[in-house]
């Protein structure tokens, strides 16, 4: 990690690189917590992959998709056009990767950090699509109307 310190006050950190992982407040609390824990667990990729799948599940449940399995929720969200078919395919990949770890499938290699990062990238994009962008649109429109 590279830090930029204040010249006037040497103990004030102005900037960090890479930037600290954060999740916008517009992402519901449960999904946000799973995302934060997944990011904090990237050093343990199997755990990060499972936490990422939990974040995806929490996001779908927040949108009212609570019945059945995660598999069924993803399919229904795609059929209802909440998510695109491509997003559903990626969500299924995340779901299956997490299942491999939860069930300790011996025929599947353990995920590496790149696999965990890829899972987390998708979950962040899903959160942006489902919660962050709609919240920004709502704020922007309300500012236009006032």
N, C-alpha and C. Protein backbone atom coordinates (compact mmCIF):
# COMPACT_ATOMS: atom_id res chain seq x y z
N UNK A 1 0.85 -1.17 0.00
CA UNK A 1 0.00 0.00 0.00
C UNK A 1 0.89 1.23 0.00
N UNK A 2 0.56 2.19 -0.83
CA UNK A 2 1.27 3.46 -0.92
C UNK A 2 0.37 4.52 -0.30
N UNK A 3 0.92 5.31 0.60
CA UNK A 3 0.16 6.37 1.26
C UNK A 3 0.71 7.72 0.88
N UNK A 4 -0.14 8.71 0.72
CA UNK A 4 0.25 10.09 0.51
C UNK A 4 -0.04 10.83 1.80
N UNK A 5 1.00 11.43 2.36
CA UNK A 5 0.85 12.13 3.63
C UNK A 5 0.76 13.63 3.41
N UNK A 6 0.11 14.30 4.32
CA UNK A 6 -0.01 15.75 4.27
C UNK A 6 1.35 16.37 4.58
N UNK A 7 1.75 17.33 3.76
CA UNK A 7 3.04 18.00 3.99
C UNK A 7 2.96 18.88 5.23
N UNK A 8 1.82 19.47 5.49
CA UNK A 8 1.67 20.36 6.64
C UNK A 8 1.58 19.58 7.94
N UNK A 9 1.04 18.40 7.87
CA UNK A 9 0.85 17.60 9.08
C UNK A 9 1.19 16.16 8.72
N UNK A 10 2.41 15.74 8.99
CA UNK A 10 2.92 14.44 8.56
C UNK A 10 2.14 13.23 9.00
N UNK A 11 1.21 13.36 9.94
CA UNK A 11 0.48 12.18 10.38
C UNK A 11 -0.91 12.08 9.78
N UNK A 12 -1.23 12.92 8.81
CA UNK A 12 -2.54 12.87 8.15
C UNK A 12 -2.40 12.16 6.81
N UNK A 13 -3.14 11.10 6.63
CA UNK A 13 -3.12 10.38 5.37
C UNK A 13 -4.16 11.03 4.45
N UNK A 14 -3.72 11.48 3.28
CA UNK A 14 -4.59 12.11 2.32
C UNK A 14 -5.13 11.12 1.30
N UNK A 15 -4.33 10.10 0.99
CA UNK A 15 -4.69 9.19 -0.07
C UNK A 15 -3.99 7.86 0.15
N UNK A 16 -4.63 6.79 -0.24
CA UNK A 16 -4.03 5.46 -0.17
C UNK A 16 -4.18 4.79 -1.52
N UNK A 17 -3.16 4.03 -1.91
CA UNK A 17 -3.25 3.27 -3.14
C UNK A 17 -2.81 1.85 -2.87
N UNK A 18 -3.54 0.84 -3.25
CA UNK A 18 -4.84 0.98 -3.88
C UNK A 18 -5.86 1.54 -2.89
N UNK A 19 -6.92 2.16 -3.40
CA UNK A 19 -7.90 2.75 -2.49
C UNK A 19 -8.55 1.67 -1.62
N UNK A 20 -8.94 2.07 -0.43
CA UNK A 20 -9.61 1.14 0.48
C UNK A 20 -10.91 0.67 -0.16
N UNK A 21 -11.25 -0.57 0.05
CA UNK A 21 -12.48 -1.13 -0.50
C UNK A 21 -13.66 -0.54 0.27
N UNK A 22 -14.66 -0.10 -0.46
CA UNK A 22 -15.86 0.42 0.20
C UNK A 22 -17.07 0.02 -0.62
N UNK A 23 -18.21 0.03 0.03
CA UNK A 23 -19.47 -0.29 -0.62
C UNK A 23 -20.42 0.86 -0.31
N UNK A 24 -21.03 1.44 -1.33
CA UNK A 24 -21.93 2.57 -1.11
C UNK A 24 -23.08 2.23 -0.16
N UNK A 25 -23.54 3.24 0.55
CA UNK A 25 -24.65 3.06 1.50
C UNK A 25 -25.95 2.67 0.81
N UNK A 26 -26.06 2.92 -0.48
CA UNK A 26 -27.29 2.55 -1.19
C UNK A 26 -27.42 1.04 -1.37
N UNK A 27 -26.34 0.30 -1.14
CA UNK A 27 -26.41 -1.17 -1.16
C UNK A 27 -26.97 -1.61 0.18
N UNK A 28 -27.98 -2.45 0.18
CA UNK A 28 -28.59 -2.87 1.45
C UNK A 28 -27.56 -3.47 2.41
N UNK A 29 -27.84 -3.27 3.69
CA UNK A 29 -26.88 -3.60 4.75
C UNK A 29 -26.36 -5.03 4.68
N UNK A 30 -27.21 -6.01 4.53
CA UNK A 30 -26.76 -7.41 4.54
C UNK A 30 -25.84 -7.69 3.35
N UNK A 31 -26.23 -7.26 2.17
CA UNK A 31 -25.39 -7.44 0.99
C UNK A 31 -24.08 -6.68 1.14
N UNK A 32 -24.17 -5.47 1.68
CA UNK A 32 -22.97 -4.65 1.90
C UNK A 32 -21.99 -5.37 2.82
N UNK A 33 -22.49 -5.95 3.89
CA UNK A 33 -21.62 -6.67 4.84
C UNK A 33 -20.94 -7.87 4.17
N UNK A 34 -21.72 -8.64 3.38
CA UNK A 34 -21.11 -9.77 2.68
C UNK A 34 -20.03 -9.29 1.71
N UNK A 35 -20.27 -8.18 1.01
CA UNK A 35 -19.26 -7.65 0.09
C UNK A 35 -18.00 -7.20 0.84
N UNK A 36 -18.20 -6.51 1.94
CA UNK A 36 -17.05 -6.06 2.73
C UNK A 36 -16.26 -7.24 3.28
N UNK A 37 -16.96 -8.26 3.76
CA UNK A 37 -16.27 -9.44 4.28
C UNK A 37 -15.56 -10.20 3.16
N UNK A 38 -16.18 -10.27 1.98
CA UNK A 38 -15.53 -10.94 0.85
C UNK A 38 -14.24 -10.21 0.48
N UNK A 39 -14.29 -8.90 0.44
CA UNK A 39 -13.08 -8.12 0.11
C UNK A 39 -12.00 -8.32 1.17
N UNK A 40 -12.40 -8.38 2.42
CA UNK A 40 -11.43 -8.58 3.50
C UNK A 40 -10.89 -10.00 3.51
N UNK A 41 -11.54 -10.91 2.79
CA UNK A 41 -11.14 -12.32 2.77
C UNK A 41 -10.42 -12.72 1.48
N UNK A 42 -10.05 -11.79 0.66
CA UNK A 42 -9.41 -12.14 -0.61
C UNK A 42 -8.15 -12.97 -0.41
N UNK A 43 -7.52 -12.84 0.74
CA UNK A 43 -6.34 -13.64 1.04
C UNK A 43 -6.71 -15.12 1.27
N UNK A 44 -8.00 -15.39 1.48
CA UNK A 44 -8.53 -16.75 1.63
C UNK A 44 -9.59 -16.93 0.53
N UNK A 45 -9.16 -17.21 -0.70
CA UNK A 45 -10.05 -17.17 -1.85
C UNK A 45 -11.31 -18.03 -1.74
N UNK A 46 -11.24 -19.22 -1.17
CA UNK A 46 -12.44 -20.06 -1.06
C UNK A 46 -13.50 -19.35 -0.22
N UNK A 47 -13.08 -18.74 0.86
CA UNK A 47 -14.02 -18.01 1.70
C UNK A 47 -14.57 -16.79 0.99
N UNK A 48 -13.72 -16.07 0.27
CA UNK A 48 -14.17 -14.88 -0.45
C UNK A 48 -15.20 -15.25 -1.52
N UNK A 49 -14.99 -16.37 -2.21
CA UNK A 49 -15.93 -16.81 -3.24
C UNK A 49 -17.28 -17.12 -2.60
N UNK A 50 -17.27 -17.81 -1.47
CA UNK A 50 -18.54 -18.15 -0.80
C UNK A 50 -19.25 -16.89 -0.30
N UNK A 51 -18.50 -15.94 0.25
CA UNK A 51 -19.10 -14.69 0.72
C UNK A 51 -19.66 -13.87 -0.43
N UNK A 52 -19.00 -13.92 -1.57
CA UNK A 52 -19.50 -13.19 -2.74
C UNK A 52 -20.83 -13.77 -3.19
N UNK A 53 -20.94 -15.09 -3.21
CA UNK A 53 -22.22 -15.72 -3.57
C UNK A 53 -23.30 -15.33 -2.58
N UNK A 54 -22.95 -15.21 -1.31
CA UNK A 54 -23.92 -14.77 -0.31
C UNK A 54 -24.36 -13.34 -0.57
N UNK A 55 -23.45 -12.50 -1.03
CA UNK A 55 -23.80 -11.12 -1.36
C UNK A 55 -24.79 -11.09 -2.52
N UNK A 56 -24.53 -11.90 -3.54
CA UNK A 56 -25.45 -11.98 -4.69
C UNK A 56 -26.82 -12.43 -4.21
N UNK A 57 -26.85 -13.45 -3.37
CA UNK A 57 -28.12 -13.95 -2.84
C UNK A 57 -28.84 -12.88 -2.04
N UNK A 58 -28.13 -12.17 -1.21
CA UNK A 58 -28.73 -11.11 -0.39
C UNK A 58 -29.31 -10.00 -1.26
N UNK A 59 -28.63 -9.67 -2.35
CA UNK A 59 -29.13 -8.62 -3.25
C UNK A 59 -30.44 -9.06 -3.90
N UNK A 60 -30.49 -10.30 -4.36
CA UNK A 60 -31.72 -10.80 -4.98
C UNK A 60 -32.86 -10.85 -3.97
N UNK A 61 -32.56 -11.28 -2.76
CA UNK A 61 -33.60 -11.32 -1.73
C UNK A 61 -34.11 -9.92 -1.41
N UNK A 62 -33.23 -8.95 -1.41
CA UNK A 62 -33.63 -7.57 -1.16
C UNK A 62 -34.61 -7.07 -2.22
N UNK A 63 -34.46 -7.59 -3.42
CA UNK A 63 -35.36 -7.22 -4.52
C UNK A 63 -36.63 -8.07 -4.55
N UNK A 64 -36.80 -8.92 -3.54
CA UNK A 64 -38.03 -9.70 -3.42
C UNK A 64 -37.94 -11.12 -3.93
N UNK A 65 -36.79 -11.54 -4.39
CA UNK A 65 -36.60 -12.90 -4.88
C UNK A 65 -36.14 -13.78 -3.72
N UNK A 66 -37.11 -14.34 -3.00
CA UNK A 66 -36.81 -15.07 -1.78
C UNK A 66 -37.15 -16.55 -1.85
N UNK A 67 -37.95 -16.96 -2.82
CA UNK A 67 -38.40 -18.35 -2.90
C UNK A 67 -37.36 -19.24 -3.57
N UNK A 68 -37.32 -20.49 -3.13
CA UNK A 68 -36.48 -21.49 -3.76
C UNK A 68 -35.00 -21.32 -3.47
N UNK A 69 -34.21 -21.86 -4.37
CA UNK A 69 -32.76 -21.85 -4.24
C UNK A 69 -32.18 -20.60 -4.90
N UNK A 70 -30.91 -20.37 -4.68
CA UNK A 70 -30.25 -19.28 -5.38
C UNK A 70 -30.33 -19.50 -6.89
N UNK A 71 -30.17 -20.72 -7.32
CA UNK A 71 -30.30 -21.06 -8.73
C UNK A 71 -31.64 -20.57 -9.27
N UNK A 72 -32.72 -20.89 -8.57
CA UNK A 72 -34.06 -20.48 -9.00
C UNK A 72 -34.22 -18.97 -8.95
N UNK A 73 -33.66 -18.33 -7.94
CA UNK A 73 -33.78 -16.87 -7.82
C UNK A 73 -33.07 -16.16 -8.98
N UNK A 74 -31.91 -16.66 -9.35
CA UNK A 74 -31.18 -16.06 -10.48
C UNK A 74 -32.00 -16.22 -11.76
N UNK A 75 -32.52 -17.42 -12.00
CA UNK A 75 -33.32 -17.66 -13.20
C UNK A 75 -34.56 -16.77 -13.24
N UNK A 76 -35.22 -16.63 -12.11
CA UNK A 76 -36.43 -15.81 -12.07
C UNK A 76 -36.08 -14.33 -12.28
N UNK A 77 -35.00 -13.86 -11.67
CA UNK A 77 -34.59 -12.47 -11.85
C UNK A 77 -34.28 -12.18 -13.31
N UNK A 78 -33.67 -13.13 -13.99
CA UNK A 78 -33.38 -12.95 -15.42
C UNK A 78 -34.67 -12.99 -16.23
N UNK A 79 -35.56 -13.93 -15.93
CA UNK A 79 -36.83 -14.03 -16.66
C UNK A 79 -37.68 -12.77 -16.47
N UNK A 80 -37.58 -12.15 -15.29
CA UNK A 80 -38.31 -10.91 -15.00
C UNK A 80 -37.58 -9.67 -15.50
N UNK A 81 -36.43 -9.85 -16.12
CA UNK A 81 -35.61 -8.76 -16.66
C UNK A 81 -35.07 -7.82 -15.58
N UNK A 82 -34.94 -8.34 -14.34
CA UNK A 82 -34.24 -7.57 -13.31
C UNK A 82 -32.75 -7.51 -13.64
N UNK A 83 -32.24 -8.63 -14.14
CA UNK A 83 -30.85 -8.71 -14.59
C UNK A 83 -30.84 -9.24 -16.02
N UNK A 84 -29.77 -8.97 -16.74
CA UNK A 84 -29.66 -9.46 -18.11
C UNK A 84 -29.32 -10.94 -18.12
N UNK A 85 -29.48 -11.57 -19.25
CA UNK A 85 -29.14 -12.99 -19.35
C UNK A 85 -27.64 -13.21 -19.12
N UNK A 86 -26.82 -12.26 -19.56
CA UNK A 86 -25.37 -12.37 -19.33
C UNK A 86 -25.04 -12.24 -17.84
N UNK A 87 -25.73 -11.35 -17.16
CA UNK A 87 -25.52 -11.22 -15.72
C UNK A 87 -25.95 -12.50 -15.01
N UNK A 88 -27.03 -13.09 -15.46
CA UNK A 88 -27.51 -14.35 -14.87
C UNK A 88 -26.48 -15.45 -15.08
N UNK A 89 -25.89 -15.52 -16.27
CA UNK A 89 -24.86 -16.54 -16.53
C UNK A 89 -23.69 -16.37 -15.57
N UNK A 90 -23.23 -15.14 -15.37
CA UNK A 90 -22.11 -14.89 -14.47
C UNK A 90 -22.52 -15.20 -13.03
N UNK A 91 -23.73 -14.84 -12.66
CA UNK A 91 -24.22 -15.14 -11.31
C UNK A 91 -24.25 -16.65 -11.09
N UNK A 92 -24.64 -17.40 -12.10
CA UNK A 92 -24.63 -18.86 -11.97
C UNK A 92 -23.20 -19.38 -11.80
N UNK A 93 -22.25 -18.79 -12.51
CA UNK A 93 -20.85 -19.20 -12.34
C UNK A 93 -20.38 -18.97 -10.91
N UNK A 94 -20.74 -17.81 -10.37
CA UNK A 94 -20.37 -17.50 -8.97
C UNK A 94 -21.03 -18.50 -8.04
N UNK A 95 -22.31 -18.77 -8.26
CA UNK A 95 -23.06 -19.72 -7.44
C UNK A 95 -22.40 -21.10 -7.47
N UNK A 96 -22.06 -21.57 -8.67
CA UNK A 96 -21.46 -22.90 -8.80
C UNK A 96 -20.07 -22.95 -8.17
N UNK A 97 -19.28 -21.88 -8.35
CA UNK A 97 -17.95 -21.81 -7.72
C UNK A 97 -18.07 -21.89 -6.20
N UNK A 98 -19.05 -21.19 -5.65
CA UNK A 98 -19.26 -21.22 -4.20
C UNK A 98 -19.73 -22.60 -3.75
N UNK A 99 -20.62 -23.22 -4.54
CA UNK A 99 -21.08 -24.57 -4.20
C UNK A 99 -19.92 -25.56 -4.16
N UNK A 100 -19.00 -25.44 -5.12
CA UNK A 100 -17.84 -26.33 -5.14
C UNK A 100 -17.07 -26.24 -3.83
N UNK A 101 -16.96 -25.03 -3.30
CA UNK A 101 -16.21 -24.83 -2.05
C UNK A 101 -17.02 -25.28 -0.83
N UNK A 102 -18.31 -24.93 -0.82
CA UNK A 102 -19.16 -25.30 0.32
C UNK A 102 -19.25 -26.82 0.47
N UNK A 103 -19.24 -27.53 -0.65
CA UNK A 103 -19.37 -28.98 -0.62
C UNK A 103 -18.01 -29.68 -0.66
N UNK A 104 -16.94 -28.90 -0.62
CA UNK A 104 -15.58 -29.43 -0.64
C UNK A 104 -15.40 -30.45 -1.76
N UNK A 105 -15.85 -30.07 -2.95
CA UNK A 105 -15.77 -30.95 -4.12
C UNK A 105 -14.30 -31.23 -4.43
N UNK A 106 -13.90 -32.48 -4.25
CA UNK A 106 -12.50 -32.87 -4.42
C UNK A 106 -12.05 -32.85 -5.87
N UNK A 107 -12.98 -32.87 -6.81
CA UNK A 107 -12.60 -32.88 -8.22
C UNK A 107 -12.36 -31.48 -8.78
N UNK A 108 -12.62 -30.47 -7.97
CA UNK A 108 -12.48 -29.08 -8.41
C UNK A 108 -11.31 -28.45 -7.67
N UNK A 109 -10.42 -27.76 -8.39
CA UNK A 109 -9.30 -27.11 -7.69
C UNK A 109 -9.79 -25.96 -6.81
N UNK A 110 -9.04 -25.69 -5.78
CA UNK A 110 -9.37 -24.55 -4.93
C UNK A 110 -9.23 -23.26 -5.74
N UNK A 111 -10.08 -22.28 -5.47
CA UNK A 111 -9.94 -21.01 -6.21
C UNK A 111 -8.67 -20.29 -5.77
N UNK A 112 -8.16 -19.47 -6.68
CA UNK A 112 -7.01 -18.63 -6.34
C UNK A 112 -7.50 -17.19 -6.16
N UNK A 113 -6.59 -16.31 -5.89
CA UNK A 113 -6.97 -14.92 -5.62
C UNK A 113 -7.61 -14.27 -6.86
N UNK A 114 -7.16 -14.64 -8.05
CA UNK A 114 -7.77 -14.09 -9.27
C UNK A 114 -9.22 -14.53 -9.38
N UNK A 115 -9.50 -15.78 -9.02
CA UNK A 115 -10.89 -16.27 -9.04
C UNK A 115 -11.74 -15.48 -8.05
N UNK A 116 -11.20 -15.25 -6.87
CA UNK A 116 -11.94 -14.50 -5.84
C UNK A 116 -12.17 -13.07 -6.29
N UNK A 117 -11.16 -12.46 -6.88
CA UNK A 117 -11.32 -11.08 -7.39
C UNK A 117 -12.38 -11.01 -8.47
N UNK A 118 -12.39 -11.99 -9.36
CA UNK A 118 -13.38 -12.02 -10.44
C UNK A 118 -14.80 -12.13 -9.86
N UNK A 119 -14.98 -12.95 -8.85
CA UNK A 119 -16.28 -13.09 -8.19
C UNK A 119 -16.70 -11.77 -7.55
N UNK A 120 -15.76 -11.16 -6.85
CA UNK A 120 -16.07 -9.90 -6.17
C UNK A 120 -16.36 -8.80 -7.18
N UNK A 121 -15.63 -8.78 -8.29
CA UNK A 121 -15.90 -7.78 -9.34
C UNK A 121 -17.33 -7.88 -9.84
N UNK A 122 -17.79 -9.13 -10.06
CA UNK A 122 -19.17 -9.30 -10.52
C UNK A 122 -20.15 -8.79 -9.47
N UNK A 123 -19.95 -9.18 -8.22
CA UNK A 123 -20.89 -8.77 -7.17
C UNK A 123 -20.92 -7.25 -7.02
N UNK A 124 -19.78 -6.61 -7.16
CA UNK A 124 -19.76 -5.14 -7.12
C UNK A 124 -20.53 -4.55 -8.29
N UNK A 125 -20.34 -5.12 -9.47
CA UNK A 125 -21.07 -4.63 -10.65
C UNK A 125 -22.57 -4.85 -10.47
N UNK A 126 -22.96 -5.98 -9.91
CA UNK A 126 -24.36 -6.26 -9.67
C UNK A 126 -24.94 -5.25 -8.67
N UNK A 127 -24.19 -4.94 -7.64
CA UNK A 127 -24.64 -3.95 -6.66
C UNK A 127 -24.79 -2.58 -7.31
N UNK A 128 -23.86 -2.23 -8.17
CA UNK A 128 -23.96 -0.95 -8.89
C UNK A 128 -25.23 -0.91 -9.72
N UNK A 129 -25.48 -1.97 -10.45
CA UNK A 129 -26.62 -2.06 -11.36
C UNK A 129 -27.95 -2.06 -10.61
N UNK A 130 -28.01 -2.83 -9.53
CA UNK A 130 -29.29 -3.03 -8.84
C UNK A 130 -29.62 -1.95 -7.81
N UNK A 131 -28.58 -1.31 -7.24
CA UNK A 131 -28.84 -0.39 -6.13
C UNK A 131 -28.19 0.98 -6.28
N UNK A 132 -26.92 1.03 -6.66
CA UNK A 132 -26.20 2.30 -6.68
C UNK A 132 -26.69 3.20 -7.81
N UNK A 133 -26.76 2.68 -9.01
CA UNK A 133 -27.22 3.49 -10.14
C UNK A 133 -28.66 3.96 -9.95
N UNK A 134 -29.59 3.08 -9.56
CA UNK A 134 -30.95 3.58 -9.33
C UNK A 134 -31.02 4.67 -8.25
N UNK A 135 -30.20 4.55 -7.21
CA UNK A 135 -30.19 5.59 -6.17
C UNK A 135 -29.66 6.90 -6.73
N UNK A 136 -28.62 6.83 -7.56
CA UNK A 136 -28.08 8.05 -8.17
C UNK A 136 -29.09 8.70 -9.11
N UNK A 137 -29.79 7.88 -9.87
CA UNK A 137 -30.81 8.40 -10.78
C UNK A 137 -31.90 9.09 -9.97
N UNK A 138 -32.33 8.47 -8.89
CA UNK A 138 -33.37 9.05 -8.05
C UNK A 138 -32.94 10.39 -7.48
N UNK A 139 -31.73 10.48 -6.98
CA UNK A 139 -31.21 11.74 -6.44
C UNK A 139 -31.11 12.78 -7.53
N UNK A 140 -30.56 12.39 -8.68
CA UNK A 140 -30.42 13.34 -9.78
C UNK A 140 -31.76 13.88 -10.27
N UNK A 141 -32.72 13.00 -10.38
CA UNK A 141 -34.05 13.44 -10.83
C UNK A 141 -34.71 14.34 -9.81
N UNK A 142 -34.55 14.01 -8.52
CA UNK A 142 -35.18 14.85 -7.50
C UNK A 142 -34.55 16.24 -7.48
N UNK A 143 -33.25 16.33 -7.79
CA UNK A 143 -32.58 17.63 -7.85
C UNK A 143 -33.08 18.44 -9.05
N UNK A 144 -33.38 17.75 -10.14
CA UNK A 144 -33.90 18.45 -11.33
C UNK A 144 -35.30 19.00 -11.06
N UNK A 145 -36.07 18.29 -10.27
CA UNK A 145 -37.46 18.68 -10.03
C UNK A 145 -37.58 19.74 -8.94
N UNK A 146 -36.53 19.94 -8.20
CA UNK A 146 -36.64 20.92 -7.10
C UNK A 146 -36.07 22.27 -7.46
